[in-house]
């Protein structure tokens, strides 16, 4: 059965919502797995329109495009076509009713992270914006996200996370300054794995076989050589290995080499062996068959026995 995408738009004044909808449709048409998606569109929505649309369509993905307020409210319309803010609490209550079939909510509106956090109490994946996002960047992110949903996934990577990363890359290739605005929030009850946004960097299980100084130096060097420590790729790296980018604010603006050093030292100091293991697996794909392969393999072997027991 096709995955249904319900697109909701409100208060279009000043926004290019028609273009965003058109680009989403084109992205899905281009997708390798395009037959797996069905698009439904509702425009100029009022609160009751959203409530009824979700109940009638029973979508797996709900995509809202429109305006957001600094308190996290989404701006809809009332019966008189005036602005009608809907609070994060109200949105969370709405999606609680539909948690059986809605799997992902994308709020492509400024300041929508607070609503995303509230909705994530009930929905597996929610995406919001942590500050104002430009019209072009919002559209580019949506294109990248739906491109990612439609790609083949031979590595069995989480489909929504893969699509989110694709959206981030799309923004970064257009405007690096806006590449840190979209935020993915995972439901910690439904998904027990470390959340890249909801959770803080906390120790999981201490490493019984500590990495030695040579191991740490190798990881620092490989992280820098991989290009994943570059400023435009750091957020994607955090998401991929399951840590909260907000926890790295103190080292976020450092040069690549210093960022690599500080990140590895931070993970090692807090004994986050699962996170280090995920980082090693990412680096393994970058340096497969190269001169560093055996060194990296030895580090992974040290960590593997502990991550298997989690």
Foldseek 3Di string as FASTA:
>chain_A
DAAEEEEEEADCVPAPVVLLVVLLVVLLVPFPPSVNYDYHYDYLDDPVRVLVVCVVVLGQEYEYDYEADQQQWGWGADPVRDTDTDHLQNLLVSCQVNLVRHAEYEYLYANNVSSQVSNQQRHFKYKDFNGGDDNVLSSQLSSQLSNQLRYDDVPPPDSNLSSNLSSLVSSCVVPLVRSPTMDMFGNCVVDVPAAQAPDADAADDAQPDADDPVLLVLQLVLCLVLCCLPLSNVSSLSRQLRHHVVNCVVCNPPPSSVSSNVVSVVCRVNRRLSSVLSSLVVSCVSQPPHPCNVVSVVVNVSSVVVVVVD
